[in-house]
Structure formats: structure tokens, C-alpha cells
Protein backbone atom coordinates (compact mmCIF):
# COMPACT_ATOMS: atom_id res chain seq x y z
CA MET A 1 106.15 106.64 85.94
CA ASP A 2 106.57 103.79 88.33
CA VAL A 3 107.36 100.40 86.76
CA LEU A 4 107.88 97.19 88.53
CA SER A 5 110.26 94.61 86.94
CA VAL A 6 109.50 91.08 87.86
CA THR A 7 112.57 88.98 87.33
CA SER A 8 113.97 85.79 88.66
CA GLU A 9 117.58 86.94 88.27
CA ILE A 10 119.38 90.30 88.03
CA TYR A 11 123.03 91.23 87.40
CA PRO A 12 125.21 91.73 89.35
CA LEU A 13 123.46 89.97 92.29
CA VAL A 14 122.49 86.68 90.61
CA LYS A 15 122.96 85.48 87.13
CA THR A 16 122.63 82.26 85.04
CA GLY A 17 122.21 83.94 81.60
CA GLY A 18 121.33 87.01 79.50
CA LEU A 19 117.99 87.61 81.37
CA ALA A 20 120.14 88.90 84.41
CA ASP A 21 122.05 91.31 82.20
CA VAL A 22 118.85 92.73 80.78
CA ALA A 23 117.12 92.98 84.23
CA GLY A 24 120.13 94.79 85.61
CA ALA A 25 120.78 97.10 82.79
CA LEU A 26 117.18 98.26 81.81
CA PRO A 27 116.33 100.24 85.06
CA ARG A 28 119.44 102.34 84.61
CA ALA A 29 118.64 103.03 80.92
CA LEU A 30 115.01 103.89 81.65
CA ALA A 31 115.95 106.55 84.28
CA ALA A 32 116.80 108.83 81.42
CA HIS A 33 113.17 108.70 80.38
CA ASP A 34 111.82 109.70 83.85
CA ILE A 35 110.80 106.05 84.57
CA ALA A 36 111.50 104.72 88.04
CA MET A 37 111.90 100.96 87.73
CA ARG A 38 111.95 98.85 90.86
CA SER A 39 112.80 95.06 90.64
CA LEU A 40 110.97 92.46 92.38
CA VAL A 41 113.38 89.58 92.92
CA PRO A 42 113.38 86.26 95.04
CA GLY A 43 115.51 86.31 98.15
CA TYR A 44 118.16 83.75 97.11
CA PRO A 45 121.11 83.52 99.44
CA GLN A 46 123.37 85.64 97.25
CA VAL A 47 120.63 88.31 97.05
CA MET A 48 120.10 88.35 100.76
CA ALA A 49 123.84 88.53 101.35
CA ALA A 50 124.11 91.72 99.22
CA LEU A 51 121.12 93.58 100.75
CA GLY A 52 122.94 95.11 103.73
CA LYS A 53 120.41 97.43 105.35
CA GLY A 54 116.91 97.12 103.98
CA ARG A 55 113.46 98.17 105.06
CA VAL A 56 110.65 95.69 105.64
CA VAL A 57 107.66 97.05 103.76
CA ALA A 58 105.20 94.12 104.00
CA ARG A 59 104.69 90.84 105.78
CA PHE A 60 102.88 87.64 104.84
CA ASP A 61 101.68 85.00 107.36
CA ASP A 62 101.57 82.44 104.57
CA LEU A 63 103.29 82.98 101.28
CA PHE A 64 102.68 79.65 99.59
CA GLY A 65 103.66 77.64 102.61
CA ASP A 66 105.16 79.70 105.32
CA ALA A 67 105.72 83.23 106.58
CA ALA A 68 107.66 85.74 104.47
CA GLN A 69 108.39 89.53 104.13
CA LEU A 70 109.34 92.00 101.54
CA ILE A 71 112.49 94.00 101.94
CA ALA A 72 113.08 97.32 100.02
CA ALA A 73 116.72 98.23 99.43
CA ARG A 74 119.07 99.95 97.01
CA VAL A 75 121.94 97.67 95.91
CA GLU A 76 124.46 98.35 93.22
CA GLY A 77 122.44 101.28 91.96
CA LEU A 78 119.27 99.17 91.66
CA ASP A 79 116.10 99.68 93.55
CA LEU A 80 114.93 96.30 94.75
CA ILE A 81 111.92 94.68 96.48
CA VAL A 82 113.28 91.38 97.70
CA ILE A 83 110.96 88.51 98.72
CA ASP A 84 112.51 87.17 101.95
CA ALA A 85 110.94 83.70 101.98
CA PRO A 86 113.51 81.22 103.24
CA HIS A 87 111.18 78.19 102.56
CA LEU A 88 111.09 79.07 98.93
CA TYR A 89 114.50 80.52 98.04
CA ASP A 90 117.20 79.82 100.80
CA ARG A 91 118.71 76.59 99.58
CA ALA A 92 121.95 75.27 98.32
CA GLY A 93 122.48 74.50 94.59
CA GLY A 94 121.39 76.72 91.69
CA ILE A 95 118.45 79.05 91.69
CA TYR A 96 116.51 76.77 89.33
CA VAL A 97 118.16 73.46 90.00
CA ASP A 98 119.31 71.41 92.96
CA GLU A 99 122.97 70.26 93.50
CA ALA A 100 122.47 67.31 91.28
CA GLY A 101 121.33 69.51 88.44
CA GLU A 102 117.67 68.66 88.56
CA ASP A 103 114.95 71.23 88.47
CA TRP A 104 113.59 72.01 91.97
CA ALA A 105 110.35 70.14 92.33
CA ASP A 106 108.55 73.20 93.83
CA ASN A 107 109.62 75.57 91.11
CA TRP A 108 106.00 76.18 90.34
CA THR A 109 105.47 77.35 93.90
CA ARG A 110 108.54 79.54 93.88
CA TYR A 111 107.63 81.46 90.76
CA ALA A 112 103.87 81.55 91.42
CA ALA A 113 104.74 83.38 94.62
CA LEU A 114 106.85 85.80 92.56
CA GLY A 115 103.94 86.66 90.29
CA TRP A 116 101.36 86.71 93.17
CA VAL A 117 103.43 89.25 95.12
CA ALA A 118 103.85 91.43 91.96
CA ALA A 119 100.03 91.42 91.61
CA GLU A 120 99.54 92.29 95.26
CA LEU A 121 101.97 95.24 94.94
CA ALA A 122 99.89 96.45 91.97
CA ARG A 123 96.81 96.38 94.20
CA GLY A 124 98.46 98.67 96.76
CA LEU A 125 100.16 96.25 99.14
CA VAL A 126 102.64 98.76 100.15
CA GLU A 127 101.44 102.18 101.20
CA GLY A 128 102.63 104.89 98.89
CA TYR A 129 103.72 102.51 96.17
CA ARG A 130 101.53 101.33 93.45
CA PRO A 131 103.27 100.68 90.06
CA ARG A 132 101.43 101.71 86.88
CA ILE A 133 103.27 99.10 84.76
CA ILE A 134 104.42 95.56 85.70
CA HIS A 135 107.12 94.37 83.30
CA ALA A 136 107.46 90.60 83.80
CA HIS A 137 110.26 88.49 82.39
CA ASP A 138 110.04 84.94 81.03
CA TRP A 139 107.98 82.18 82.45
CA GLN A 140 109.21 82.77 85.92
CA GLY A 141 107.54 86.24 86.06
CA ALA A 142 104.70 85.52 83.66
CA MET A 143 102.21 84.61 86.31
CA ALA A 144 102.05 88.25 87.37
CA ALA A 145 99.93 88.75 84.29
CA ALA A 146 97.42 86.04 85.28
CA TYR A 147 97.20 87.26 88.86
CA VAL A 148 96.47 90.81 87.74
CA ALA A 149 94.02 89.62 85.16
CA PHE A 150 92.08 87.34 87.54
CA GLY A 151 92.61 89.26 90.73
CA GLY A 152 90.41 92.21 90.04
CA ASP A 153 90.68 95.82 91.39
CA SER A 154 93.97 96.68 89.61
CA THR A 155 94.46 99.25 86.91
CA THR A 156 98.10 98.24 86.44
CA LYS A 157 99.12 97.24 82.90
CA VAL A 158 101.35 94.25 82.33
CA ALA A 159 104.05 93.89 79.69
CA LEU A 160 105.65 90.44 79.37
CA THR A 161 109.04 89.92 77.72
CA ILE A 162 109.95 86.49 76.18
CA HIS A 163 113.70 85.99 76.45
CA ASN A 164 113.61 82.42 75.25
CA ILE A 165 110.32 80.73 74.32
CA ALA A 166 111.89 77.25 74.75
CA PHE A 167 111.43 77.62 78.49
CA GLN A 168 107.79 77.76 79.39
CA GLY A 169 107.18 76.63 82.93
CA GLN A 170 104.75 73.73 82.21
CA PHE A 171 103.30 71.80 85.23
CA GLY A 172 100.52 69.32 85.89
CA ALA A 173 96.96 70.23 86.52
CA ASP A 174 97.21 69.12 90.18
CA ILE A 175 99.07 72.34 91.04
CA PHE A 176 96.17 74.54 89.98
CA PRO A 177 94.16 74.38 93.35
CA HIS A 178 97.21 75.80 95.10
CA LEU A 179 97.80 78.78 92.85
CA ARG A 180 95.22 81.23 94.49
CA LEU A 181 93.48 81.69 91.25
CA PRO A 182 89.76 81.48 90.63
CA GLN A 183 88.51 78.39 88.82
CA ALA A 184 87.72 80.45 85.72
CA ALA A 185 91.50 80.87 85.22
CA PHE A 186 91.83 77.13 84.39
CA ASP A 187 90.75 77.71 80.94
CA MET A 188 92.13 78.38 77.45
CA THR A 189 91.71 82.09 78.11
CA GLY A 190 93.86 81.59 81.27
CA VAL A 191 96.65 79.34 82.45
CA GLU A 192 95.30 76.05 81.19
CA TYR A 193 97.67 74.44 78.58
CA TYR A 194 96.86 71.08 77.13
CA GLY A 195 95.23 69.94 80.27
CA GLY A 196 98.04 71.22 82.61
CA VAL A 197 99.23 74.66 83.72
CA GLY A 198 101.37 76.77 81.55
CA PHE A 199 103.06 79.73 83.30
CA LEU A 200 104.25 81.38 80.09
CA LYS A 201 101.14 80.49 78.15
CA GLY A 202 99.06 82.04 80.91
CA GLY A 203 101.27 85.24 80.89
CA LEU A 204 100.91 85.48 77.05
CA ARG A 205 97.24 85.22 77.24
CA CYS A 206 96.78 87.72 80.03
CA ALA A 207 99.44 90.39 79.47
CA HIS A 208 98.49 93.67 77.81
CA ALA A 209 101.56 93.79 75.76
CA ILE A 210 104.15 91.07 74.80
CA THR A 211 107.74 91.90 73.81
CA THR A 212 110.61 89.82 72.72
CA VAL A 213 114.18 90.66 72.40
CA SER A 214 114.63 91.19 68.69
CA PRO A 215 112.34 92.02 65.72
CA THR A 216 113.32 88.79 63.76
CA TYR A 217 112.58 86.62 66.77
CA ALA A 218 109.30 88.26 67.20
CA LEU A 219 108.43 87.03 63.62
CA GLU A 220 110.12 83.62 64.02
CA ILE A 221 108.15 82.65 67.22
CA GLN A 222 104.92 83.02 65.23
CA THR A 223 105.90 79.96 63.09
CA PRO A 224 105.86 76.28 64.07
CA GLU A 225 109.70 75.98 63.54
CA TYR A 226 110.32 78.49 66.43
CA GLY A 227 107.14 78.87 68.37
CA MET A 228 107.58 75.73 70.56
CA GLY A 229 103.77 75.15 70.47
CA LEU A 230 102.73 78.77 71.35
CA GLU A 231 102.85 80.09 67.77
CA GLY A 232 99.07 80.01 67.42
CA LEU A 233 98.56 82.07 70.44
CA LEU A 234 101.24 84.55 69.32
CA VAL A 235 99.72 84.89 65.90
CA GLU A 236 96.45 85.59 67.64
CA ARG A 237 98.17 88.30 69.69
CA SER A 238 100.47 89.65 67.05
CA ALA A 239 98.99 93.19 67.23
CA ASP A 240 100.29 93.23 70.78
CA LEU A 241 103.64 91.68 70.07
CA TYR A 242 106.81 93.89 69.77
CA GLY A 243 110.41 92.98 68.96
CA ILE A 244 112.79 95.29 70.84
CA LEU A 245 116.47 94.51 70.69
CA ASN A 246 118.46 94.13 73.77
CA GLY A 247 121.33 96.37 74.52
CA ILE A 248 124.44 95.86 76.70
CA ASP A 249 125.89 97.83 79.60
CA VAL A 250 128.43 99.87 77.75
CA GLU A 251 130.19 100.95 80.95
CA ALA A 252 130.71 97.36 82.21
CA TRP A 253 131.75 96.36 78.60
CA ASN A 254 134.09 99.09 77.47
CA PRO A 255 137.55 98.14 75.94
CA ARG A 256 138.88 101.58 76.91
CA THR A 257 138.52 100.92 80.53
CA ASP A 258 137.98 97.20 81.11
CA ALA A 259 140.27 96.03 83.87
CA ALA A 260 140.05 92.41 82.70
CA LEU A 261 142.10 93.27 79.64
CA ALA A 262 145.79 93.03 79.32
CA ALA A 263 145.63 96.25 77.33
CA ASN A 264 142.90 98.80 76.82
CA TYR A 265 142.21 100.21 73.43
CA ALA A 266 139.63 102.04 71.21
CA ALA A 267 138.46 101.89 67.65
CA ALA A 268 141.39 104.07 66.55
CA SER A 269 143.92 101.84 68.38
CA THR A 270 142.91 98.25 67.51
CA GLY A 271 146.53 97.39 67.09
CA LYS A 272 146.78 97.11 70.91
CA ARG A 273 144.31 94.10 70.72
CA GLN A 274 147.36 91.99 69.89
CA ILE A 275 148.50 92.26 73.58
CA ASN A 276 145.24 90.79 74.58
CA THR A 277 145.43 88.15 71.76
CA LEU A 278 148.79 87.07 73.31
CA ALA A 279 147.47 86.92 76.78
CA LEU A 280 144.39 84.87 75.57
CA ALA A 281 146.67 82.58 73.62
CA GLU A 282 148.76 82.02 76.71
CA ARG A 283 145.75 81.32 78.88
CA PHE A 284 144.49 78.62 76.53
CA GLY A 285 147.90 77.15 75.69
CA LEU A 286 147.64 78.25 72.01
CA GLU A 287 150.38 79.06 69.54
CA MET A 288 150.87 82.65 68.17
CA ASP A 289 151.02 82.83 64.49
CA GLY A 290 149.44 84.66 61.62
CA GLY A 291 146.08 82.82 61.73
CA PRO A 292 142.86 84.06 63.22
CA LEU A 293 141.91 83.18 66.74
CA PHE A 294 138.35 82.15 67.05
CA GLY A 295 136.63 82.55 70.40
CA LEU A 296 133.55 80.73 71.72
CA VAL A 297 131.87 81.75 74.89
CA SER A 298 128.75 79.74 75.40
CA ARG A 299 126.55 77.18 77.09
CA LEU A 300 127.55 73.96 75.38
CA THR A 301 124.11 72.86 74.04
CA TRP A 302 122.47 71.85 70.87
CA GLN A 303 120.50 75.17 70.72
CA LYS A 304 123.84 77.08 70.59
CA GLY A 305 125.08 75.04 67.60
CA ILE A 306 128.07 73.59 69.53
CA ASP A 307 127.83 70.17 67.79
CA ILE A 308 128.40 71.82 64.38
CA VAL A 309 131.35 73.63 65.83
CA ALA A 310 132.84 70.24 66.92
CA ASP A 311 132.20 68.94 63.50
CA ASN A 312 134.31 71.80 62.05
CA VAL A 313 137.22 71.93 64.39
CA ASP A 314 139.48 70.03 62.06
CA TRP A 315 138.58 72.16 59.17
CA LEU A 316 139.12 75.39 61.12
CA VAL A 317 142.61 74.19 62.25
CA SER A 318 143.45 73.05 58.54
CA LEU A 319 142.79 76.67 57.46
CA GLY A 320 145.32 77.97 59.93
CA GLY A 321 142.77 79.08 62.59
CA ARG A 322 142.92 78.57 66.34
CA LEU A 323 139.99 78.05 68.76
CA ALA A 324 139.55 79.11 72.42
CA VAL A 325 136.40 77.72 74.03
CA LEU A 326 134.93 78.79 77.37
CA GLY A 327 131.77 77.04 78.55
CA SER A 328 130.00 74.07 79.97
CA GLY A 329 126.79 72.19 79.44
CA ASP A 330 126.03 68.92 77.69
CA GLY A 331 128.45 66.22 78.76
CA GLY A 332 128.85 64.87 75.23
CA LEU A 333 129.79 68.30 73.82
CA GLU A 334 132.22 68.95 76.75
CA ASP A 335 133.87 65.66 75.77
CA ALA A 336 133.93 66.73 72.13
CA MET A 337 135.75 69.94 73.06
CA THR A 338 138.19 68.15 75.43
CA GLN A 339 139.01 65.68 72.60
CA ALA A 340 139.50 68.54 70.13
CA ALA A 341 141.95 70.29 72.35
CA ALA A 342 143.82 66.99 72.79
CA ARG A 343 143.81 66.33 69.07
CA HIS A 344 145.12 69.77 68.23
CA PRO A 345 147.55 70.89 71.01
CA GLY A 346 148.46 74.47 70.52
CA ARG A 347 145.51 75.09 68.16
CA VAL A 348 142.54 74.44 70.25
CA GLY A 349 142.05 75.23 73.88
CA PHE A 350 139.13 74.42 76.18
CA VAL A 351 138.23 75.92 79.63
CA ARG A 352 135.30 74.21 81.24
CA GLY A 353 132.87 76.43 83.22
CA TYR A 354 132.43 80.22 83.26
CA ASP A 355 134.69 82.92 84.16
CA GLU A 356 133.45 86.62 83.84
CA ASN A 357 136.93 88.14 83.64
CA LEU A 358 138.08 85.57 81.11
CA SER A 359 135.08 86.17 78.95
CA HIS A 360 135.99 89.86 78.80
CA LEU A 361 139.54 88.87 77.80
CA MET A 362 138.31 86.71 75.05
CA GLN A 363 136.20 89.51 73.60
CA GLY A 364 139.24 91.80 73.79
CA GLY A 365 141.68 89.17 72.38
CA ALA A 366 139.82 86.98 69.95
CA ASP A 367 139.83 87.91 66.26
CA VAL A 368 136.51 86.19 65.71
CA MET A 369 133.54 85.57 68.12
CA LEU A 370 131.68 82.40 67.14
CA VAL A 371 127.91 82.45 67.72
CA PRO A 372 126.46 79.56 65.62
CA SER A 373 123.06 79.21 67.43
CA ARG A 374 120.15 77.24 65.82
CA PHE A 375 117.88 79.84 67.41
CA GLU A 376 118.79 83.04 69.29
CA PRO A 377 116.18 85.42 70.61
CA CYS A 378 118.64 88.26 70.68
CA GLY A 379 122.17 87.28 71.81
CA LEU A 380 124.60 89.42 73.79
CA THR A 381 127.89 87.62 72.83
CA GLN A 382 127.81 89.16 69.37
CA LEU A 383 127.06 92.54 70.74
CA TYR A 384 130.12 92.23 73.07
CA GLY A 385 132.04 91.17 70.01
CA LEU A 386 131.05 94.27 68.11
CA ARG A 387 131.95 96.46 70.96
CA TYR A 388 135.32 94.95 71.38
CA GLY A 389 136.39 94.39 67.73
CA ALA A 390 136.08 90.66 67.99
CA VAL A 391 134.30 90.24 64.52
CA PRO A 392 131.19 88.06 65.03
CA LEU A 393 130.55 84.99 62.95
CA VAL A 394 126.86 84.27 63.55
CA SER A 395 124.01 82.18 62.26
CA ARG A 396 121.40 84.08 60.35
CA VAL A 397 118.62 83.74 63.05
CA GLY A 398 116.76 85.99 65.59
CA GLY A 399 118.79 88.83 66.97
CA LEU A 400 122.00 87.68 65.35
CA ALA A 401 120.47 88.50 61.95
CA ASP A 402 119.25 91.78 63.28
CA THR A 403 122.60 93.03 64.73
CA VAL A 404 125.34 91.85 62.51
CA ILE A 405 125.78 93.09 58.90
CA ASP A 406 127.15 90.28 56.66
CA ALA A 407 130.41 90.76 54.87
CA ASN A 408 129.03 90.04 51.37
CA GLU A 409 130.99 91.74 48.61
CA ALA A 410 128.56 94.61 48.30
CA ALA A 411 128.64 95.28 52.06
CA VAL A 412 132.50 95.04 52.08
CA GLU A 413 132.85 97.46 49.15
CA ALA A 414 130.38 99.89 50.87
CA GLY A 415 132.37 99.67 54.10
CA VAL A 416 129.36 98.67 56.12
CA ALA A 417 130.06 95.04 56.97
CA THR A 418 130.44 94.20 60.67
CA GLY A 419 130.59 90.37 60.64
CA ILE A 420 129.86 87.16 58.89
CA GLN A 421 126.38 85.51 58.73
CA PHE A 422 125.68 81.95 57.65
CA SER A 423 122.66 79.89 56.73
CA PRO A 424 121.55 77.11 56.83
CA VAL A 425 122.66 76.31 60.40
CA ASP A 426 124.41 73.10 59.72
CA GLY A 427 127.94 71.79 59.55
CA PRO A 428 128.61 72.66 55.86
CA GLY A 429 126.98 76.10 56.37
CA LEU A 430 129.31 76.87 59.27
CA GLY A 431 132.21 75.30 57.44
CA GLU A 432 131.83 77.72 54.47
CA ALA A 433 131.46 80.68 56.87
CA ILE A 434 134.75 79.65 58.51
CA ARG A 435 136.40 79.61 55.06
CA ARG A 436 134.95 83.07 54.25
CA THR A 437 136.15 84.39 57.65
CA VAL A 438 139.72 83.16 57.26
CA SER A 439 139.83 84.66 53.77
CA LEU A 440 138.62 88.12 55.04
CA PHE A 441 141.07 87.95 57.97
CA HIS A 442 143.88 87.81 55.45
CA ARG A 443 142.77 90.99 53.80
CA PRO A 444 143.97 93.35 56.54
CA ALA A 445 142.50 96.53 55.33
CA VAL A 446 138.97 94.96 55.00
CA TRP A 447 139.29 93.27 58.34
CA SER A 448 140.36 96.45 60.14
CA ARG A 449 137.55 98.35 58.59
CA MET A 450 135.09 95.60 59.80
CA GLN A 451 136.46 95.90 63.38
CA ARG A 452 136.22 99.70 63.46
CA LYS A 453 132.68 99.68 61.94
CA GLY A 454 131.60 97.18 64.52
CA MET A 455 133.16 99.08 67.45
CA LYS A 456 131.22 102.16 66.35
CA THR A 457 127.92 100.38 66.25
CA ASP A 458 125.41 101.55 68.87
CA VAL A 459 124.89 98.50 71.04
CA SER A 460 123.86 100.51 74.10
CA TRP A 461 120.35 100.55 75.66
CA ASP A 462 119.69 103.99 74.61
CA ARG A 463 117.28 103.25 71.63
CA SER A 464 115.73 100.20 73.18
CA ALA A 465 114.98 102.02 76.39
CA GLU A 466 113.30 104.80 74.33
CA LYS A 467 111.07 101.92 72.69
CA TYR A 468 110.14 100.49 76.08
CA ALA A 469 109.31 103.87 77.44
CA ALA A 470 107.11 104.61 74.40
CA LEU A 471 105.36 101.17 74.90
CA TYR A 472 104.70 101.84 78.54
CA THR A 473 103.20 105.25 77.74
CA SER A 474 101.00 103.69 74.96
CA LEU A 475 99.68 101.08 77.53
CA LEU A 476 98.75 103.85 80.07
CA GLY A 477 97.06 105.76 77.20
CA ASN A 478 94.62 102.84 76.67
CA GLN A 479 93.26 103.20 80.23
């Protein structure tokens, strides 16, 4: 079965978040189910630099403003179709934002082109290749569904995955005449959204199936609290909405072999984690003592609950804990972490930015991995924590609720607990969870059992890939 993944980023070529990890891991996982997944990606500078030898498979005289071509190549074990369109993608700055951190003004053009090319491939643009399924990701890929639905002569089915419904790709009505869609598409049954154009909304309306990245998030986004204005449409399409948990690349994230660790270990040898804990403490300028070391690897934003972490830093330290923070984001929250580190030298450390190797060391050395998000479609950080024996402390939302078994007394007695959940997601709620965590940490037999149980949890893509394969098959069965 040929499936075309339509994604704006893909690990290890280009990454801003979890979408890239999913897009990079899913093709490999699906191969075991006889599914050949190619990925259609924009030709950003870092993607073009990685291509090496590729093969031009199509040319366009005018791809939304200038000439372009498609290049097929195999890179890092991934089969790619790259849109080589310098006028759209060859620029300094980030892939979504300019050097000043502002959204590119022509993002609507850049990702309309991504969806339009996907639909052209579905209609047989490249001789010998016609995908039976398009799997589009987030608002950047969502227009593929609209172009298929309103373009005619395509039997390709479209599945659209929502990785975070907070990002929707909303633009003014003035762009519609430039989208290469018939006038009928500017309607509530198409891409029209409150008088403007909604890329994600249009995709949700036109896709044959909708998935999101955890069962709980699939339920949450059908409510006003989490649906971000699209809950009505999602309720209407609930029969076509599936929650399928993300997995992680268990080869890239493997404490037995991870070169970023100071010491490798397994579930049967968690004592060796102390070597990583020492290395982590040294990296962040933290004291080594008998208290738990909390790790936080995150974008520093309100969604991620970083403000309630800042409110609890003094409490965490008073209980004997230490905190290592790696991340960047909101300036006020960065300042709060800087001030916390200054206020508690040796107990709180903050590294601004992102460092892939350091994030691995944090998973291998932290006793606790903090994930206090206000909403979290799936979350990967807690999955890494489970894999590495960094016990997750998570809010009871989305995929966090689906993947971590709370250490209530019944779960502890049964030996099935893998972490700590808390609700409501506010300062007092997190404060009580920190107290519970410190108490559990000082019960060594219980803590060790939680670590080992978490490390034996299946966080791979195996089961999720099987569910995606079944979904693709069911879509084709409806033809």
C-alpha cells in the first residue's frame, strides 16, 4: 500500500517539535505492515542540504508564484519527495517564523503549495506513483484534503492528524482567490471559517478520517474547553475521529546504547543512573545530595504549565528537591527561571535553548521528569521518561493521562504505578503532586519498582502503527 505523508517537518532533517518525531518514525514503523510511506516535505535549506543525489520527478512553471520542481530521494532511511521551491522555502530564520520571530507573512502560500502538490500526486502527477492514502499532518498539511475533495478525479483517501488543535492556520478571506480552489470551496462545507479561510478547519471538513494523538485528547477536543472553536465540527465528525497514541523511536531513545549518557543501563541496572545524575548535576551546577532531581525539558509557555512550576520552585527546594530546566520560550517565563536559579544556587539550574544531547542526559539522570501541561495532545517527554526510568510527574490531561499510571496507594500496592498524575492543573495541584513525589522517592523499594515498571512499558510505535495500518485498510475498503 502506497501512503503519502504530508508534513511540514520531519526528524532528523528539520524539527521544531513533536510533529517532526512522529513524521520521522511512522514510516519506519509502518514498513512492518507492508505499507510504503513516502513523505512530501518543503525544501527548506536544511532539507536541501541533506538531499545529496536526488531525482527530479516533476516540474512546475508556476507553483504559487514561481517555478519549482519535485525531487525524490532517500535520506536517513526515509523516502522523500521534496518541493524544491526557493521562492517559498529558501530563506533565513525559522521554518515558520522570520529572524525576528514573527510568522512569515506568506505562510498561507507556503503550505497551500504543500497541500496542492499532495493532491496533484494523488491525481497521477508522477508516472508510476499514485498514493492510495494521503496522511496529512496539522494545519500545514491539512489543505491536501481540501484540494483532493474539490479537485475531482482522485480516488485517494485522506487521513488528517491533529497534533495540536491550538494551531489552525487561519487567514483572511482575501487569500481565497489565490488558492486554486473553486468558488464552491469558500463555504462552511469547505475552507471558509468565520468569514476567512481556515486551513485546519477545511481539512477537518474534507478528510475521510481524522486522527489525533491520544484517546483522551480525541474526547477533549470535542468540548469547548479544549476544542479551540472547532469542537462543533469535531462532534459532527466524531464517527470519523480516532485517538491513536504516539510512540517513540526506541532505537534513538535507548538507555542501553545512548551515546549521550555518561553511563548506559537497563531496567535491571538502574543503579548506574547515578552516574548520569552526577553528570547532570555538574552540567547544571547542582549539589549532589539525597533529594530527588526534577528535570524539565520544554518550551517555556503557558500551555506547558511553566508558570505553575515557577510558582512552586521555592516549595520544591524546601522539600529537598533540585530542579534542572532546559528550554526557551516566553520571555517572562525565561526570566522567572533565571531568577529561580539565582535565588537557589546549587538547587536550581537553567539552560536556555534546546540541546538534543543534553535532553537525553536529562532523561538518563533526572529522578523525576516534570510535564505539567494545561493541555497535551500526546506528549513525548513522559514517554522518554518512562523509557529511561525518569519517573514522570504529569498533569491529568490528554496523552499524559493515557500513558502514565498514577501512584495512588492501590496502584503502588499492586506494583503497576509508573508515575504521578495531578489535577486540577494549577499551582496548589502541582504543589501537592511535588509533595507526593518527594514522599515516594524516599521509599526506595517503591521508587525502584516504579522505575522498572515504567522502563518495561511499551512506548514503541508497534501498536500505534498497527492501528494506523488498520485505519488505512478500512478507508480503502469504503471505496
